[in-house]
Amino acid sequence: MSPRGNKAAMNFKTVAQVDVPQGRNGKHKQIVTQILSDLDQLPVGVALKVPLAELEESKENVRSALNRAIHKGDRNVATASDAEFLYVWNESQ
């Protein structure tokens, strides 16, 4: 008798592993990707000025997501904010 002959019924559907989405695309991915892309193009001594009114999420949530991406990419970035803008810049090593 085959070892597969008396298996219990599957509880979940299956999918080929190549069709499984890889990575996590969180709700902050687009803004964080845009900020990081712009940071790559910034000269030393210049900060990005991101309007808070254009953010879909709160400043704190975007800042947290940005912080996670910065640490994952081993970057040296600083942020500040006021009532209208989130400022982001590359810190010198």
PDB file of N, CA and C in Angstrom:
ATOM      1  N   MET A   1       0.846  -1.187   0.000  1.00  0.00           N
ATOM      2  CA  MET A   1       0.000   0.000   0.000  1.00  0.00           C
ATOM      3  C   MET A   1       0.887   1.245   0.000  1.00  0.00           C
ATOM      4  N   SER A   2       0.495   2.238  -0.728  1.00  0.00           N
ATOM      5  CA  SER A   2       1.240   3.494  -0.832  1.00  0.00           C
ATOM      6  C   SER A   2       1.098   4.304   0.457  1.00  0.00           C
ATOM      7  N   PRO A   3       2.171   5.004   0.903  1.00  0.00           N
ATOM      8  CA  PRO A   3       2.060   5.824   2.112  1.00  0.00           C
ATOM      9  C   PRO A   3       1.102   6.995   1.922  1.00  0.00           C
ATOM     10  N   ARG A   4       0.784   7.311   0.708  1.00  0.00           N
ATOM     11  CA  ARG A   4      -0.139   8.421   0.443  1.00  0.00           C
ATOM     12  C   ARG A   4      -1.596   7.972   0.381  1.00  0.00           C
ATOM     13  N   GLY A   5      -1.823   6.708   0.439  1.00  0.00           N
ATOM     14  CA  GLY A   5      -3.153   6.169   0.240  1.00  0.00           C
ATOM     15  C   GLY A   5      -4.184   6.568   1.284  1.00  0.00           C
ATOM     16  N   ASN A   6      -3.812   6.734   2.528  1.00  0.00           N
ATOM     17  CA  ASN A   6      -4.765   7.000   3.595  1.00  0.00           C
ATOM     18  C   ASN A   6      -4.599   8.395   4.190  1.00  0.00           C
ATOM     19  N   LYS A   7      -4.334   9.388   3.367  1.00  0.00           N
ATOM     20  CA  LYS A   7      -4.168  10.751   3.872  1.00  0.00           C
ATOM     21  C   LYS A   7      -5.508  11.377   4.196  1.00  0.00           C
ATOM     22  N   ALA A   8      -5.490  12.242   5.188  1.00  0.00           N
ATOM     23  CA  ALA A   8      -6.691  13.005   5.524  1.00  0.00           C
ATOM     24  C   ALA A   8      -6.935  14.053   4.437  1.00  0.00           C
ATOM     25  N   ALA A   9      -8.161  14.465   4.308  1.00  0.00           N
ATOM     26  CA  ALA A   9      -8.514  15.491   3.319  1.00  0.00           C
ATOM     27  C   ALA A   9      -7.811  16.799   3.656  1.00  0.00           C
ATOM     28  N   MET A  10      -7.435  17.520   2.640  1.00  0.00           N
ATOM     29  CA  MET A  10      -6.757  18.812   2.822  1.00  0.00           C
ATOM     30  C   MET A  10      -7.741  19.832   3.398  1.00  0.00           C
ATOM     31  N   ASN A  11      -7.265  20.672   4.271  1.00  0.00           N
ATOM     32  CA  ASN A  11      -8.079  21.717   4.877  1.00  0.00           C
ATOM     33  C   ASN A  11      -8.031  23.031   4.106  1.00  0.00           C
ATOM     34  N   PHE A  12      -6.967  23.230   3.352  1.00  0.00           N
ATOM     35  CA  PHE A  12      -6.768  24.495   2.634  1.00  0.00           C
ATOM     36  C   PHE A  12      -6.443  24.222   1.187  1.00  0.00           C
ATOM     37  N   LYS A  13      -6.683  25.211   0.356  1.00  0.00           N
ATOM     38  CA  LYS A  13      -6.333  25.115  -1.056  1.00  0.00           C
ATOM     39  C   LYS A  13      -4.829  25.239  -1.198  1.00  0.00           C
ATOM     40  N   THR A  14      -4.305  24.833  -2.332  1.00  0.00           N
ATOM     41  CA  THR A  14      -2.875  24.918  -2.589  1.00  0.00           C
ATOM     42  C   THR A  14      -2.602  25.829  -3.778  1.00  0.00           C
ATOM     43  N   VAL A  15      -1.354  26.272  -3.868  1.00  0.00           N
ATOM     44  CA  VAL A  15      -0.916  27.121  -4.971  1.00  0.00           C
ATOM     45  C   VAL A  15       0.548  26.785  -5.240  1.00  0.00           C
ATOM     46  N   ALA A  16       0.958  26.864  -6.501  1.00  0.00           N
ATOM     47  CA  ALA A  16       2.360  26.625  -6.834  1.00  0.00           C
ATOM     48  C   ALA A  16       3.217  27.686  -6.150  1.00  0.00           C
ATOM     49  N   GLN A  17       4.366  27.280  -5.641  1.00  0.00           N
ATOM     50  CA  GLN A  17       5.210  28.203  -4.896  1.00  0.00           C
ATOM     51  C   GLN A  17       5.631  29.399  -5.741  1.00  0.00           C
ATOM     52  N   VAL A  18       5.823  29.207  -7.042  1.00  0.00           N
ATOM     53  CA  VAL A  18       6.216  30.331  -7.901  1.00  0.00           C
ATOM     54  C   VAL A  18       5.129  31.399  -7.985  1.00  0.00           C
ATOM     55  N   ASP A  19       3.893  31.037  -7.643  1.00  0.00           N
ATOM     56  CA  ASP A  19       2.784  31.991  -7.680  1.00  0.00           C
ATOM     57  C   ASP A  19       2.544  32.686  -6.345  1.00  0.00           C
ATOM     58  N   VAL A  20       3.352  32.359  -5.338  1.00  0.00           N
ATOM     59  CA  VAL A  20       3.204  32.985  -4.028  1.00  0.00           C
ATOM     60  C   VAL A  20       3.863  34.365  -4.063  1.00  0.00           C
ATOM     61  N   PRO A  21       3.145  35.417  -3.640  1.00  0.00           N
ATOM     62  CA  PRO A  21       3.749  36.744  -3.634  1.00  0.00           C
ATOM     63  C   PRO A  21       4.929  36.794  -2.669  1.00  0.00           C
ATOM     64  N   GLN A  22       6.014  37.384  -3.120  1.00  0.00           N
ATOM     65  CA  GLN A  22       7.206  37.493  -2.287  1.00  0.00           C
ATOM     66  C   GLN A  22       7.331  38.924  -1.787  1.00  0.00           C
ATOM     67  N   GLY A  23       7.649  39.094  -0.538  1.00  0.00           N
ATOM     68  CA  GLY A  23       7.806  40.430   0.029  1.00  0.00           C
ATOM     69  C   GLY A  23       6.470  40.964   0.505  1.00  0.00           C
ATOM     70  N   ARG A  24       6.563  42.041   1.243  1.00  0.00           N
ATOM     71  CA  ARG A  24       5.364  42.644   1.809  1.00  0.00           C
ATOM     72  C   ARG A  24       5.211  44.044   1.242  1.00  0.00           C
ATOM     73  N   ASN A  25       4.088  44.308   0.640  1.00  0.00           N
ATOM     74  CA  ASN A  25       3.817  45.640   0.133  1.00  0.00           C
ATOM     75  C   ASN A  25       2.813  46.298   1.060  1.00  0.00           C
ATOM     76  N   GLY A  26       3.325  46.926   2.094  1.00  0.00           N
ATOM     77  CA  GLY A  26       2.470  47.593   3.063  1.00  0.00           C
ATOM     78  C   GLY A  26       1.848  48.850   2.484  1.00  0.00           C
ATOM     79  N   LYS A  27       0.957  49.436   3.248  1.00  0.00           N
ATOM     80  CA  LYS A  27       0.239  50.609   2.758  1.00  0.00           C
ATOM     81  C   LYS A  27       1.115  51.850   2.656  1.00  0.00           C
ATOM     82  N   HIS A  28       2.320  51.803   3.240  1.00  0.00           N
ATOM     83  CA  HIS A  28       3.224  52.947   3.171  1.00  0.00           C
ATOM     84  C   HIS A  28       4.296  52.776   2.110  1.00  0.00           C
ATOM     85  N   LYS A  29       4.282  51.652   1.404  1.00  0.00           N
ATOM     86  CA  LYS A  29       5.366  51.333   0.478  1.00  0.00           C
ATOM     87  C   LYS A  29       5.575  52.419  -0.570  1.00  0.00           C
ATOM     88  N   GLN A  30       4.531  52.941  -1.161  1.00  0.00           N
ATOM     89  CA  GLN A  30       4.694  53.913  -2.240  1.00  0.00           C
ATOM     90  C   GLN A  30       5.393  55.180  -1.754  1.00  0.00           C
ATOM     91  N   ILE A  31       4.935  55.776  -0.659  1.00  0.00           N
ATOM     92  CA  ILE A  31       5.537  57.017  -0.182  1.00  0.00           C
ATOM     93  C   ILE A  31       6.967  56.774   0.296  1.00  0.00           C
ATOM     94  N   VAL A  32       7.212  55.654   0.960  1.00  0.00           N
ATOM     95  CA  VAL A  32       8.558  55.345   1.442  1.00  0.00           C
ATOM     96  C   VAL A  32       9.497  55.128   0.262  1.00  0.00           C
ATOM     97  N   THR A  33       9.037  54.423  -0.757  1.00  0.00           N
ATOM     98  CA  THR A  33       9.847  54.199  -1.949  1.00  0.00           C
ATOM     99  C   THR A  33      10.178  55.522  -2.636  1.00  0.00           C
ATOM    100  N   GLN A  34       9.208  56.417  -2.718  1.00  0.00           N
ATOM    101  CA  GLN A  34       9.444  57.725  -3.330  1.00  0.00           C
ATOM    102  C   GLN A  34      10.466  58.535  -2.535  1.00  0.00           C
ATOM    103  N   ILE A  35      10.329  58.533  -1.223  1.00  0.00           N
ATOM    104  CA  ILE A  35      11.262  59.278  -0.378  1.00  0.00           C
ATOM    105  C   ILE A  35      12.674  58.716  -0.518  1.00  0.00           C
ATOM    106  N   LEU A  36      12.817  57.394  -0.443  1.00  0.00           N
ATOM    107  CA  LEU A  36      14.142  56.792  -0.563  1.00  0.00           C
ATOM    108  C   LEU A  36      14.762  57.060  -1.930  1.00  0.00           C
ATOM    109  N   SER A  37      13.954  57.021  -2.962  1.00  0.00           N
ATOM    110  CA  SER A  37      14.448  57.321  -4.308  1.00  0.00           C
ATOM    111  C   SER A  37      14.958  58.759  -4.391  1.00  0.00           C
ATOM    112  N   ASP A  38      14.198  59.686  -3.828  1.00  0.00           N
ATOM    113  CA  ASP A  38      14.627  61.086  -3.834  1.00  0.00           C
ATOM    114  C   ASP A  38      15.879  61.289  -2.979  1.00  0.00           C
ATOM    115  N   LEU A  39      15.967  60.584  -1.854  1.00  0.00           N
ATOM    116  CA  LEU A  39      17.154  60.692  -1.004  1.00  0.00           C
ATOM    117  C   LEU A  39      18.418  60.265  -1.744  1.00  0.00           C
ATOM    118  N   ASP A  40      18.279  59.271  -2.615  1.00  0.00           N
ATOM    119  CA  ASP A  40      19.428  58.800  -3.396  1.00  0.00           C
ATOM    120  C   ASP A  40      19.959  59.878  -4.333  1.00  0.00           C
ATOM    121  N   GLN A  41      19.134  60.856  -4.650  1.00  0.00           N
ATOM    122  CA  GLN A  41      19.515  61.904  -5.593  1.00  0.00           C
ATOM    123  C   GLN A  41      19.895  63.222  -4.912  1.00  0.00           C
ATOM    124  N   LEU A  42      19.765  63.269  -3.592  1.00  0.00           N
ATOM    125  CA  LEU A  42      20.006  64.517  -2.866  1.00  0.00           C
ATOM    126  C   LEU A  42      21.481  64.796  -2.649  1.00  0.00           C
ATOM    127  N   PRO A  43      21.893  66.035  -2.871  1.00  0.00           N
ATOM    128  CA  PRO A  43      23.249  66.406  -2.483  1.00  0.00           C
ATOM    129  C   PRO A  43      23.315  66.610  -0.964  1.00  0.00           C
ATOM    130  N   VAL A  44      24.500  66.589  -0.423  1.00  0.00           N
ATOM    131  CA  VAL A  44      24.700  66.801   1.008  1.00  0.00           C
ATOM    132  C   VAL A  44      24.201  68.198   1.381  1.00  0.00           C
ATOM    133  N   GLY A  45      23.539  68.285   2.527  1.00  0.00           N
ATOM    134  CA  GLY A  45      23.073  69.580   3.013  1.00  0.00           C
ATOM    135  C   GLY A  45      21.703  69.993   2.504  1.00  0.00           C
ATOM    136  N   VAL A  46      20.995  69.083   1.823  1.00  0.00           N
ATOM    137  CA  VAL A  46      19.668  69.388   1.288  1.00  0.00           C
ATOM    138  C   VAL A  46      18.671  68.382   1.865  1.00  0.00           C
ATOM    139  N   ALA A  47      17.477  68.863   2.248  1.00  0.00           N
ATOM    140  CA  ALA A  47      16.436  68.000   2.816  1.00  0.00           C
ATOM    141  C   ALA A  47      15.221  67.962   1.898  1.00  0.00           C
ATOM    142  N   LEU A  48      14.539  66.827   1.903  1.00  0.00           N
ATOM    143  CA  LEU A  48      13.246  66.725   1.227  1.00  0.00           C
ATOM    144  C   LEU A  48      12.203  67.400   2.095  1.00  0.00           C
ATOM    145  N   LYS A  49      11.223  68.000   1.472  1.00  0.00           N
ATOM    146  CA  LYS A  49      10.136  68.695   2.164  1.00  0.00           C
ATOM    147  C   LYS A  49       8.835  68.042   1.713  1.00  0.00           C
ATOM    148  N   VAL A  50       8.346  67.087   2.493  1.00  0.00           N
ATOM    149  CA  VAL A  50       7.171  66.291   2.132  1.00  0.00           C
ATOM    150  C   VAL A  50       5.937  66.914   2.779  1.00  0.00           C
ATOM    151  N   PRO A  51       4.972  67.380   1.974  1.00  0.00           N
ATOM    152  CA  PRO A  51       3.763  67.998   2.545  1.00  0.00           C
ATOM    153  C   PRO A  51       2.922  66.970   3.310  1.00  0.00           C
ATOM    154  N   LEU A  52       2.636  67.267   4.563  1.00  0.00           N
ATOM    155  CA  LEU A  52       1.837  66.350   5.388  1.00  0.00           C
ATOM    156  C   LEU A  52       0.422  66.190   4.844  1.00  0.00           C
ATOM    157  N   ALA A  53      -0.119  67.236   4.236  1.00  0.00           N
ATOM    158  CA  ALA A  53      -1.483  67.187   3.706  1.00  0.00           C
ATOM    159  C   ALA A  53      -1.624  66.159   2.587  1.00  0.00           C
ATOM    160  N   GLU A  54      -0.523  65.807   1.929  1.00  0.00           N
ATOM    161  CA  GLU A  54      -0.566  64.844   0.830  1.00  0.00           C
ATOM    162  C   GLU A  54      -0.371  63.402   1.277  1.00  0.00           C
ATOM    163  N   LEU A  55      -0.063  63.196   2.553  1.00  0.00           N
ATOM    164  CA  LEU A  55       0.122  61.838   3.052  1.00  0.00           C
ATOM    165  C   LEU A  55      -1.228  61.186   3.320  1.00  0.00           C
ATOM    166  N   GLU A  56      -1.368  59.937   2.884  1.00  0.00           N
ATOM    167  CA  GLU A  56      -2.613  59.214   3.125  1.00  0.00           C
ATOM    168  C   GLU A  56      -2.691  58.726   4.567  1.00  0.00           C
ATOM    169  N   GLU A  57      -1.553  58.503   5.179  1.00  0.00           N
ATOM    170  CA  GLU A  57      -1.470  58.032   6.556  1.00  0.00           C
ATOM    171  C   GLU A  57      -0.931  59.150   7.433  1.00  0.00           C
ATOM    172  N   SER A  58      -0.948  58.939   8.722  1.00  0.00           N
ATOM    173  CA  SER A  58      -0.438  59.956   9.645  1.00  0.00           C
ATOM    174  C   SER A  58       1.068  60.109   9.500  1.00  0.00           C
ATOM    175  N   LYS A  59       1.551  61.254   9.897  1.00  0.00           N
ATOM    176  CA  LYS A  59       2.983  61.533   9.874  1.00  0.00           C
ATOM    177  C   LYS A  59       3.739  60.471  10.673  1.00  0.00           C
ATOM    178  N   GLU A  60       3.210  60.097  11.824  1.00  0.00           N
ATOM    179  CA  GLU A  60       3.869  59.116  12.678  1.00  0.00           C
ATOM    180  C   GLU A  60       3.976  57.749  11.994  1.00  0.00           C
ATOM    181  N   ASN A  61       2.908  57.336  11.315  1.00  0.00           N
ATOM    182  CA  ASN A  61       2.930  56.039  10.630  1.00  0.00           C
ATOM    183  C   ASN A  61       3.918  56.037   9.471  1.00  0.00           C
ATOM    184  N   VAL A  62       3.958  57.120   8.716  1.00  0.00           N
ATOM    185  CA  VAL A  62       4.898  57.213   7.596  1.00  0.00           C
ATOM    186  C   VAL A  62       6.325  57.252   8.131  1.00  0.00           C
ATOM    187  N   ARG A  63       6.542  58.010   9.190  1.00  0.00           N
ATOM    188  CA  ARG A  63       7.872  58.098   9.790  1.00  0.00           C
ATOM    189  C   ARG A  63       8.329  56.722  10.293  1.00  0.00           C
ATOM    190  N   SER A  64       7.432  55.963  10.896  1.00  0.00           N
ATOM    191  CA  SER A  64       7.767  54.615  11.375  1.00  0.00           C
ATOM    192  C   SER A  64       8.125  53.688  10.218  1.00  0.00           C
ATOM    193  N   ALA A  65       7.336  53.730   9.165  1.00  0.00           N
ATOM    194  CA  ALA A  65       7.610  52.891   7.993  1.00  0.00           C
ATOM    195  C   ALA A  65       8.937  53.290   7.353  1.00  0.00           C
ATOM    196  N   LEU A  66       9.184  54.582   7.279  1.00  0.00           N
ATOM    197  CA  LEU A  66      10.442  55.078   6.724  1.00  0.00           C
ATOM    198  C   LEU A  66      11.616  54.618   7.596  1.00  0.00           C
ATOM    199  N   ASN A  67      11.449  54.694   8.897  1.00  0.00           N
ATOM    200  CA  ASN A  67      12.494  54.260   9.822  1.00  0.00           C
ATOM    201  C   ASN A  67      12.828  52.782   9.633  1.00  0.00           C
ATOM    202  N   ARG A  68      11.801  51.948   9.451  1.00  0.00           N
ATOM    203  CA  ARG A  68      12.042  50.514   9.218  1.00  0.00           C
ATOM    204  C   ARG A  68      12.826  50.304   7.924  1.00  0.00           C
ATOM    205  N   ALA A  69      12.452  51.020   6.871  1.00  0.00           N
ATOM    206  CA  ALA A  69      13.133  50.876   5.577  1.00  0.00           C
ATOM    207  C   ALA A  69      14.572  51.383   5.651  1.00  0.00           C
ATOM    208  N   ILE A  70      14.777  52.460   6.385  1.00  0.00           N
ATOM    209  CA  ILE A  70      16.121  53.032   6.527  1.00  0.00           C
ATOM    210  C   ILE A  70      17.035  52.038   7.240  1.00  0.00           C
ATOM    211  N   HIS A  71      16.548  51.433   8.321  1.00  0.00           N
ATOM    212  CA  HIS A  71      17.371  50.479   9.052  1.00  0.00           C
ATOM    213  C   HIS A  71      17.601  49.193   8.259  1.00  0.00           C
ATOM    214  N   LYS A  72      16.606  48.791   7.513  1.00  0.00           N
ATOM    215  CA  LYS A  72      16.750  47.598   6.680  1.00  0.00           C
ATOM    216  C   LYS A  72      17.804  47.830   5.610  1.00  0.00           C
ATOM    217  N   GLY A  73      17.850  49.039   5.069  1.00  0.00           N
ATOM    218  CA  GLY A  73      18.819  49.375   4.032  1.00  0.00           C
ATOM    219  C   GLY A  73      20.129  49.899   4.582  1.00  0.00           C
ATOM    220  N   ASP A  74      20.275  49.903   5.905  1.00  0.00           N
ATOM    221  CA  ASP A  74      21.497  50.369   6.567  1.00  0.00           C
ATOM    222  C   ASP A  74      21.902  51.768   6.088  1.00  0.00           C
ATOM    223  N   ARG A  75      20.936  52.671   6.126  1.00  0.00           N
ATOM    224  CA  ARG A  75      21.152  54.054   5.691  1.00  0.00           C
ATOM    225  C   ARG A  75      21.249  54.957   6.908  1.00  0.00           C
ATOM    226  N   ASN A  76      21.785  56.146   6.707  1.00  0.00           N
ATOM    227  CA  ASN A  76      21.916  57.130   7.776  1.00  0.00           C
ATOM    228  C   ASN A  76      21.077  58.350   7.387  1.00  0.00           C
ATOM    229  N   VAL A  77      19.838  58.370   7.864  1.00  0.00           N
ATOM    230  CA  VAL A  77      18.860  59.380   7.465  1.00  0.00           C
ATOM    231  C   VAL A  77      18.260  60.007   8.715  1.00  0.00           C
ATOM    232  N   ALA A  78      17.965  61.297   8.639  1.00  0.00           N
ATOM    233  CA  ALA A  78      17.329  62.002   9.750  1.00  0.00           C
ATOM    234  C   ALA A  78      16.008  62.594   9.278  1.00  0.00           C
ATOM    235  N   THR A  79      15.115  62.830  10.231  1.00  0.00           N
ATOM    236  CA  THR A  79      13.826  63.451   9.919  1.00  0.00           C
ATOM    237  C   THR A  79      13.523  64.540  10.940  1.00  0.00           C
ATOM    238  N   ALA A  80      12.679  65.457  10.523  1.00  0.00           N
ATOM    239  CA  ALA A  80      12.128  66.489  11.398  1.00  0.00           C
ATOM    240  C   ALA A  80      10.774  66.838  10.819  1.00  0.00           C
ATOM    241  N   SER A  81       9.975  67.570  11.566  1.00  0.00           N
ATOM    242  CA  SER A  81       8.671  67.971  11.033  1.00  0.00           C
ATOM    243  C   SER A  81       8.205  69.232  11.735  1.00  0.00           C
ATOM    244  N   ASP A  82       7.274  69.899  11.060  1.00  0.00           N
ATOM    245  CA  ASP A  82       6.546  71.000  11.667  1.00  0.00           C
ATOM    246  C   ASP A  82       5.075  70.756  11.370  1.00  0.00           C
ATOM    247  N   ALA A  83       4.249  71.752  11.481  1.00  0.00           N
ATOM    248  CA  ALA A  83       2.805  71.566  11.302  1.00  0.00           C
ATOM    249  C   ALA A  83       2.429  71.222   9.863  1.00  0.00           C
ATOM    250  N   GLU A  84       3.289  71.535   8.901  1.00  0.00           N
ATOM    251  CA  GLU A  84       2.921  71.348   7.495  1.00  0.00           C
ATOM    252  C   GLU A  84       3.767  70.347   6.724  1.00  0.00           C
ATOM    253  N   PHE A  85       4.998  70.093   7.180  1.00  0.00           N
ATOM    254  CA  PHE A  85       5.912  69.277   6.376  1.00  0.00           C
ATOM    255  C   PHE A  85       6.667  68.259   7.216  1.00  0.00           C
ATOM    256  N   LEU A  86       7.025  67.160   6.556  1.00  0.00           N
ATOM    257  CA  LEU A  86       7.973  66.186   7.070  1.00  0.00           C
ATOM    258  C   LEU A  86       9.254  66.432   6.288  1.00  0.00           C
ATOM    259  N   TYR A  87      10.352  66.675   6.995  1.00  0.00           N
ATOM    260  CA  TYR A  87      11.646  66.927   6.367  1.00  0.00           C
ATOM    261  C   TYR A  87      12.500  65.674   6.525  1.00  0.00           C
ATOM    262  N   VAL A  88      13.155  65.287   5.455  1.00  0.00           N
ATOM    263  CA  VAL A  88      13.978  64.073   5.462  1.00  0.00           C
ATOM    264  C   VAL A  88      15.285  64.374   4.743  1.00  0.00           C
ATOM    265  N   TRP A  89      16.408  63.973   5.349  1.00  0.00           N
ATOM    266  CA  TRP A  89      17.685  64.209   4.704  1.00  0.00           C
ATOM    267  C   TRP A  89      18.677  63.113   5.063  1.00  0.00           C
ATOM    268  N   ASN A  90      19.703  62.995   4.208  1.00  0.00           N
ATOM    269  CA  ASN A  90      20.794  62.063   4.464  1.00  0.00           C
ATOM    270  C   ASN A  90      21.768  62.708   5.441  1.00  0.00           C
ATOM    271  N   GLU A  91      22.096  61.989   6.500  1.00  0.00           N
ATOM    272  CA  GLU A  91      23.101  62.486   7.425  1.00  0.00           C
ATOM    273  C   GLU A  91      24.472  62.050   6.937  1.00  0.00           C
ATOM    274  N   SER A  92      25.455  62.910   7.121  1.00  0.00           N
ATOM    275  CA  SER A  92      26.812  62.540   6.707  1.00  0.00           C
ATOM    276  C   SER A  92      27.325  61.448   7.629  1.00  0.00           C
ATOM    277  N   GLN A  93      28.137  60.587   7.091  1.00  0.00           N
ATOM    278  CA  GLN A  93      28.642  59.427   7.833  1.00  0.00           C
ATOM    279  C   GLN A  93      29.522  59.842   8.933  1.00  0.00           C
TER     280      GLN A  93
END
